[in-house]
């Protein structure tokens, strides 16, 4: 289908890849101009002190924090990552994350917890 006198416009309108590009760009601009974005999944940081290296199991970690946001392997050990990152273009940025490693029996071998919120 051709529109007389509008060859360039006709090609743009009828080009599906260009429509998809426009949707992606529009979505990106929406995020940029809204000023904030959240990544990850919130978890109860108050439970971090309940983790005991060499004692706490995977099922106990799952009960305390829910399913991990990411799961992987580090140094041959199963690794779960819990993270919540709130970025704001105009306001405060908040982040917290916890990485827990398990041995082959499913017991915690090490963990780290980091946050931007300080209680100094």
N, C-alpha and C. Protein backbone atom coordinates (compact mmCIF):
# COMPACT_ATOMS: atom_id res chain seq x y z
N UNK A 1 0.85 -1.18 0.00
CA UNK A 1 0.00 0.00 0.00
C UNK A 1 0.89 1.23 0.00
N UNK A 2 0.66 2.13 -0.91
CA UNK A 2 1.45 3.34 -1.05
C UNK A 2 0.54 4.55 -0.89
N UNK A 3 1.10 5.56 -0.26
CA UNK A 3 0.38 6.83 -0.13
C UNK A 3 1.10 7.81 -1.05
N UNK A 4 0.41 8.36 -2.05
CA UNK A 4 1.04 9.25 -3.02
C UNK A 4 1.62 10.47 -2.33
N UNK A 5 2.88 10.77 -2.71
CA UNK A 5 3.52 11.98 -2.19
C UNK A 5 4.14 11.81 -0.82
N UNK A 6 3.98 10.66 -0.20
CA UNK A 6 4.51 10.43 1.14
C UNK A 6 5.36 9.16 1.18
N UNK A 7 6.29 9.04 0.24
CA UNK A 7 7.08 7.82 0.13
C UNK A 7 7.84 7.51 1.42
N UNK A 8 8.54 8.50 1.98
CA UNK A 8 9.33 8.28 3.20
C UNK A 8 8.41 7.96 4.38
N UNK A 9 7.36 8.72 4.55
CA UNK A 9 6.41 8.47 5.63
C UNK A 9 5.76 7.10 5.48
N UNK A 10 5.44 6.75 4.25
CA UNK A 10 4.84 5.45 3.96
C UNK A 10 5.77 4.32 4.40
N UNK A 11 7.06 4.44 4.10
CA UNK A 11 8.03 3.40 4.47
C UNK A 11 8.19 3.30 5.98
N UNK A 12 8.18 4.43 6.66
CA UNK A 12 8.33 4.42 8.12
C UNK A 12 7.10 3.79 8.78
N UNK A 13 5.93 4.20 8.34
CA UNK A 13 4.69 3.71 8.95
C UNK A 13 4.54 2.21 8.75
N UNK A 14 4.88 1.73 7.58
CA UNK A 14 4.67 0.32 7.27
C UNK A 14 5.81 -0.57 7.71
N UNK A 15 6.85 0.00 8.26
CA UNK A 15 8.00 -0.79 8.69
C UNK A 15 7.82 -1.25 10.14
N UNK A 16 7.56 -2.52 10.34
CA UNK A 16 7.34 -3.07 11.68
C UNK A 16 8.56 -2.85 12.59
N UNK A 17 9.80 -3.10 12.11
CA UNK A 17 10.95 -2.86 13.00
C UNK A 17 11.01 -1.43 13.52
N UNK A 18 10.63 -0.46 12.68
CA UNK A 18 10.64 0.93 13.14
C UNK A 18 9.56 1.18 14.19
N UNK A 19 8.43 0.53 14.06
CA UNK A 19 7.37 0.67 15.06
C UNK A 19 7.86 0.10 16.39
N UNK A 20 8.52 -1.05 16.34
CA UNK A 20 9.06 -1.65 17.57
C UNK A 20 10.11 -0.74 18.19
N UNK A 21 10.98 -0.16 17.35
CA UNK A 21 11.99 0.77 17.86
C UNK A 21 11.33 1.96 18.56
N UNK A 22 10.27 2.48 17.95
CA UNK A 22 9.57 3.62 18.54
C UNK A 22 8.96 3.25 19.90
N UNK A 23 8.40 2.05 20.00
CA UNK A 23 7.83 1.61 21.27
C UNK A 23 8.92 1.49 22.34
N UNK A 24 10.06 0.93 21.97
CA UNK A 24 11.16 0.79 22.92
C UNK A 24 11.67 2.15 23.35
N UNK A 25 11.86 3.07 22.41
CA UNK A 25 12.31 4.41 22.75
C UNK A 25 11.29 5.13 23.64
N UNK A 26 10.02 4.99 23.32
CA UNK A 26 8.97 5.63 24.13
C UNK A 26 8.99 5.11 25.56
N UNK A 27 9.15 3.81 25.70
CA UNK A 27 9.22 3.21 27.04
C UNK A 27 10.44 3.72 27.79
N UNK A 28 11.57 3.80 27.10
CA UNK A 28 12.79 4.31 27.73
C UNK A 28 12.63 5.74 28.20
N UNK A 29 12.03 6.60 27.35
CA UNK A 29 11.80 7.98 27.74
C UNK A 29 10.85 8.07 28.94
N UNK A 30 9.88 7.20 29.00
CA UNK A 30 8.96 7.18 30.13
C UNK A 30 9.71 6.93 31.43
N UNK A 31 10.63 5.94 31.42
CA UNK A 31 11.42 5.66 32.62
C UNK A 31 12.33 6.83 32.97
N UNK A 32 12.96 7.42 31.97
CA UNK A 32 13.88 8.53 32.22
C UNK A 32 13.14 9.71 32.82
N UNK A 33 12.02 10.07 32.24
CA UNK A 33 11.30 11.25 32.71
C UNK A 33 10.48 11.00 33.96
N UNK A 34 10.22 9.76 34.30
CA UNK A 34 9.54 9.49 35.56
C UNK A 34 10.51 9.68 36.72
N UNK A 35 11.80 9.56 36.45
CA UNK A 35 12.82 9.88 37.45
C UNK A 35 13.19 8.76 38.39
N UNK A 36 12.59 7.59 38.31
CA UNK A 36 12.98 6.53 39.24
C UNK A 36 12.79 5.16 38.61
N UNK A 37 13.56 4.24 39.13
CA UNK A 37 13.46 2.85 38.69
C UNK A 37 13.88 1.96 39.84
N UNK A 38 13.22 0.83 40.00
CA UNK A 38 13.55 -0.14 41.04
C UNK A 38 13.93 -1.45 40.38
N UNK A 39 15.04 -2.01 40.84
CA UNK A 39 15.50 -3.30 40.34
C UNK A 39 15.59 -4.27 41.51
N UNK A 40 15.44 -5.55 41.22
CA UNK A 40 15.57 -6.56 42.26
C UNK A 40 14.26 -6.82 42.96
N UNK A 41 14.40 -7.35 44.16
CA UNK A 41 13.24 -7.74 44.96
C UNK A 41 13.56 -7.45 46.42
N UNK A 42 12.67 -6.76 47.10
CA UNK A 42 12.93 -6.40 48.50
C UNK A 42 13.01 -7.65 49.37
N UNK A 43 13.81 -7.56 50.42
CA UNK A 43 13.95 -8.66 51.37
C UNK A 43 14.10 -8.08 52.77
N UNK A 44 13.72 -8.83 53.81
CA UNK A 44 13.77 -8.30 55.18
C UNK A 44 15.20 -8.29 55.74
N UNK A 45 15.82 -7.12 55.71
CA UNK A 45 17.20 -6.98 56.18
C UNK A 45 17.34 -7.28 57.67
N UNK A 46 16.26 -7.15 58.42
CA UNK A 46 16.32 -7.42 59.87
C UNK A 46 16.68 -8.87 60.16
N UNK A 47 16.49 -9.75 59.18
CA UNK A 47 16.79 -11.18 59.39
C UNK A 47 18.24 -11.56 59.11
N UNK A 48 19.04 -10.62 58.61
CA UNK A 48 20.43 -10.94 58.25
C UNK A 48 21.20 -11.50 59.44
N UNK A 49 21.00 -10.96 60.62
CA UNK A 49 21.74 -11.42 61.80
C UNK A 49 21.37 -12.86 62.21
N UNK A 50 20.31 -13.40 61.62
CA UNK A 50 19.92 -14.78 61.93
C UNK A 50 20.78 -15.81 61.20
N UNK A 51 21.51 -15.38 60.19
CA UNK A 51 22.34 -16.31 59.42
C UNK A 51 23.59 -16.67 60.23
N UNK A 52 23.84 -17.95 60.37
CA UNK A 52 25.03 -18.45 61.10
C UNK A 52 25.84 -19.31 60.14
N UNK A 53 27.08 -18.90 59.88
CA UNK A 53 27.96 -19.66 58.99
C UNK A 53 28.20 -21.05 59.58
N UNK A 54 28.06 -22.05 58.72
CA UNK A 54 28.26 -23.43 59.14
C UNK A 54 27.05 -24.07 59.79
N UNK A 55 25.96 -23.29 59.96
CA UNK A 55 24.76 -23.82 60.61
C UNK A 55 23.49 -23.62 59.79
N UNK A 56 23.29 -22.41 59.28
CA UNK A 56 22.05 -22.09 58.58
C UNK A 56 21.98 -22.82 57.24
N UNK A 57 20.82 -23.41 56.94
CA UNK A 57 20.64 -24.18 55.71
C UNK A 57 19.91 -23.35 54.64
N UNK A 58 19.91 -23.88 53.40
CA UNK A 58 19.20 -23.23 52.30
C UNK A 58 17.72 -23.05 52.63
N UNK A 59 17.10 -24.07 53.19
CA UNK A 59 15.67 -23.96 53.49
C UNK A 59 15.41 -22.90 54.54
N UNK A 60 16.32 -22.75 55.50
CA UNK A 60 16.16 -21.70 56.52
C UNK A 60 16.35 -20.32 55.90
N UNK A 61 17.32 -20.18 55.00
CA UNK A 61 17.52 -18.89 54.32
C UNK A 61 16.28 -18.55 53.50
N UNK A 62 15.73 -19.53 52.82
CA UNK A 62 14.52 -19.31 52.02
C UNK A 62 13.34 -18.90 52.92
N UNK A 63 13.23 -19.49 54.11
CA UNK A 63 12.16 -19.10 55.04
C UNK A 63 12.35 -17.67 55.53
N UNK A 64 13.61 -17.29 55.78
CA UNK A 64 13.90 -15.95 56.30
C UNK A 64 13.73 -14.85 55.25
N UNK A 65 14.11 -15.15 53.99
CA UNK A 65 14.19 -14.10 52.97
C UNK A 65 13.34 -14.35 51.73
N UNK A 66 12.77 -15.54 51.61
CA UNK A 66 12.03 -15.87 50.40
C UNK A 66 12.99 -16.37 49.33
N UNK A 67 12.47 -16.59 48.13
CA UNK A 67 13.34 -17.08 47.05
C UNK A 67 14.35 -16.01 46.64
N UNK A 68 15.53 -16.41 46.21
CA UNK A 68 16.54 -15.42 45.82
C UNK A 68 16.16 -14.69 44.54
N UNK A 69 16.69 -13.48 44.40
CA UNK A 69 16.49 -12.71 43.18
C UNK A 69 17.32 -13.32 42.06
N UNK A 70 18.56 -13.71 42.39
CA UNK A 70 19.45 -14.36 41.43
C UNK A 70 20.04 -15.60 42.07
N UNK A 71 20.35 -16.58 41.26
CA UNK A 71 20.99 -17.80 41.73
C UNK A 71 22.12 -18.13 40.77
N UNK A 72 23.27 -18.53 41.31
CA UNK A 72 24.40 -18.84 40.44
C UNK A 72 25.42 -19.71 41.14
N UNK A 73 26.64 -19.65 40.63
CA UNK A 73 27.73 -20.47 41.15
C UNK A 73 28.97 -19.60 41.28
N UNK A 74 29.59 -19.60 42.45
CA UNK A 74 30.82 -18.85 42.67
C UNK A 74 31.81 -19.78 43.37
N UNK A 75 32.98 -19.93 42.79
CA UNK A 75 34.02 -20.79 43.35
C UNK A 75 33.50 -22.20 43.61
N UNK A 76 32.64 -22.69 42.74
CA UNK A 76 32.11 -24.05 42.87
C UNK A 76 30.99 -24.20 43.88
N UNK A 77 30.54 -23.10 44.46
CA UNK A 77 29.46 -23.18 45.46
C UNK A 77 28.21 -22.48 44.94
N UNK A 78 27.06 -23.04 45.31
CA UNK A 78 25.79 -22.41 44.99
C UNK A 78 25.73 -21.05 45.66
N UNK A 79 25.33 -20.03 44.91
CA UNK A 79 25.28 -18.67 45.43
C UNK A 79 23.91 -18.07 45.17
N UNK A 80 23.30 -17.53 46.22
CA UNK A 80 22.03 -16.83 46.09
C UNK A 80 22.27 -15.35 46.34
N UNK A 81 21.63 -14.53 45.52
CA UNK A 81 21.73 -13.08 45.69
C UNK A 81 20.34 -12.50 45.93
N UNK A 82 20.26 -11.71 46.97
CA UNK A 82 19.06 -10.94 47.29
C UNK A 82 19.44 -9.48 47.08
N UNK A 83 18.66 -8.74 46.33
CA UNK A 83 19.01 -7.35 46.09
C UNK A 83 17.79 -6.49 45.85
N UNK A 84 17.89 -5.24 46.28
CA UNK A 84 16.84 -4.26 46.05
C UNK A 84 17.53 -2.93 45.82
N UNK A 85 17.32 -2.35 44.64
CA UNK A 85 18.02 -1.13 44.25
C UNK A 85 17.00 -0.12 43.76
N UNK A 86 16.88 0.99 44.46
CA UNK A 86 15.97 2.07 44.08
C UNK A 86 16.80 3.25 43.60
N UNK A 87 16.68 3.57 42.32
CA UNK A 87 17.42 4.69 41.75
C UNK A 87 16.44 5.79 41.41
N UNK A 88 16.81 7.00 41.78
CA UNK A 88 15.96 8.15 41.52
C UNK A 88 16.80 9.24 40.87
N UNK A 89 16.29 9.81 39.81
CA UNK A 89 17.00 10.86 39.11
C UNK A 89 17.06 12.13 39.95
N UNK A 90 16.02 12.36 40.74
CA UNK A 90 15.93 13.62 41.48
C UNK A 90 16.02 13.47 42.99
N UNK A 91 16.06 12.27 43.50
CA UNK A 91 16.04 12.09 44.95
C UNK A 91 17.11 11.13 45.43
N UNK A 92 16.83 10.56 46.58
CA UNK A 92 17.76 9.65 47.23
C UNK A 92 17.82 8.31 46.52
N UNK A 93 19.03 7.77 46.46
CA UNK A 93 19.22 6.43 45.90
C UNK A 93 19.43 5.47 47.05
N UNK A 94 18.71 4.35 47.04
CA UNK A 94 18.84 3.36 48.10
C UNK A 94 19.19 2.01 47.49
N UNK A 95 20.04 1.29 48.18
CA UNK A 95 20.41 -0.05 47.70
C UNK A 95 20.73 -0.94 48.89
N UNK A 96 20.38 -2.20 48.74
CA UNK A 96 20.80 -3.20 49.72
C UNK A 96 20.92 -4.52 48.99
N UNK A 97 21.95 -5.26 49.33
CA UNK A 97 22.07 -6.58 48.73
C UNK A 97 22.76 -7.54 49.69
N UNK A 98 22.48 -8.80 49.46
CA UNK A 98 23.05 -9.86 50.27
C UNK A 98 23.38 -11.03 49.35
N UNK A 99 24.59 -11.55 49.51
CA UNK A 99 25.03 -12.70 48.73
C UNK A 99 25.34 -13.82 49.71
N UNK A 100 24.73 -14.98 49.50
CA UNK A 100 24.89 -16.12 50.41
C UNK A 100 25.44 -17.30 49.60
N UNK A 101 26.50 -17.93 50.12
CA UNK A 101 27.07 -19.11 49.46
C UNK A 101 26.82 -20.34 50.32
N UNK A 102 26.57 -21.47 49.63
CA UNK A 102 26.26 -22.74 50.31
C UNK A 102 27.25 -23.82 49.87
N UNK A 103 27.56 -24.74 50.79
CA UNK A 103 28.38 -25.89 50.42
C UNK A 103 27.50 -26.94 49.74
N UNK A 104 28.10 -28.08 49.40
CA UNK A 104 27.35 -29.12 48.69
C UNK A 104 26.26 -29.78 49.54
N UNK A 105 26.26 -29.52 50.85
CA UNK A 105 25.21 -30.03 51.73
C UNK A 105 24.10 -29.01 51.95
N UNK A 106 24.26 -27.82 51.35
CA UNK A 106 23.23 -26.78 51.49
C UNK A 106 23.34 -25.96 52.75
N UNK A 107 24.56 -25.89 53.33
CA UNK A 107 24.78 -25.11 54.55
C UNK A 107 25.58 -23.85 54.17
N UNK A 108 25.27 -22.72 54.80
CA UNK A 108 25.93 -21.45 54.52
C UNK A 108 27.42 -21.54 54.83
N UNK A 109 28.24 -21.15 53.83
CA UNK A 109 29.69 -21.10 54.04
C UNK A 109 30.17 -19.67 54.25
N UNK A 110 29.48 -18.72 53.62
CA UNK A 110 29.82 -17.30 53.78
C UNK A 110 28.65 -16.46 53.28
N UNK A 111 28.61 -15.22 53.73
CA UNK A 111 27.60 -14.30 53.21
C UNK A 111 28.10 -12.87 53.39
N UNK A 112 27.59 -11.98 52.57
CA UNK A 112 27.88 -10.55 52.71
C UNK A 112 26.55 -9.80 52.64
N UNK A 113 26.48 -8.69 53.36
CA UNK A 113 25.31 -7.83 53.32
C UNK A 113 25.82 -6.40 53.19
N UNK A 114 25.27 -5.66 52.24
CA UNK A 114 25.67 -4.27 52.02
C UNK A 114 24.42 -3.40 51.87
N UNK A 115 24.53 -2.16 52.33
CA UNK A 115 23.40 -1.24 52.21
C UNK A 115 23.91 0.20 52.13
N UNK A 116 23.10 1.06 51.55
CA UNK A 116 23.43 2.49 51.53
C UNK A 116 22.89 3.20 52.76
N UNK A 117 22.07 2.52 53.54
CA UNK A 117 21.51 3.12 54.75
C UNK A 117 22.46 2.86 55.92
N UNK A 118 22.92 3.93 56.52
CA UNK A 118 23.90 3.81 57.60
C UNK A 118 23.29 4.25 58.93
N UNK A 119 23.65 3.55 59.97
CA UNK A 119 23.15 3.89 61.31
C UNK A 119 24.30 4.37 62.19
N UNK A 120 25.15 5.22 61.63
CA UNK A 120 26.32 5.72 62.38
C UNK A 120 25.94 6.86 63.29
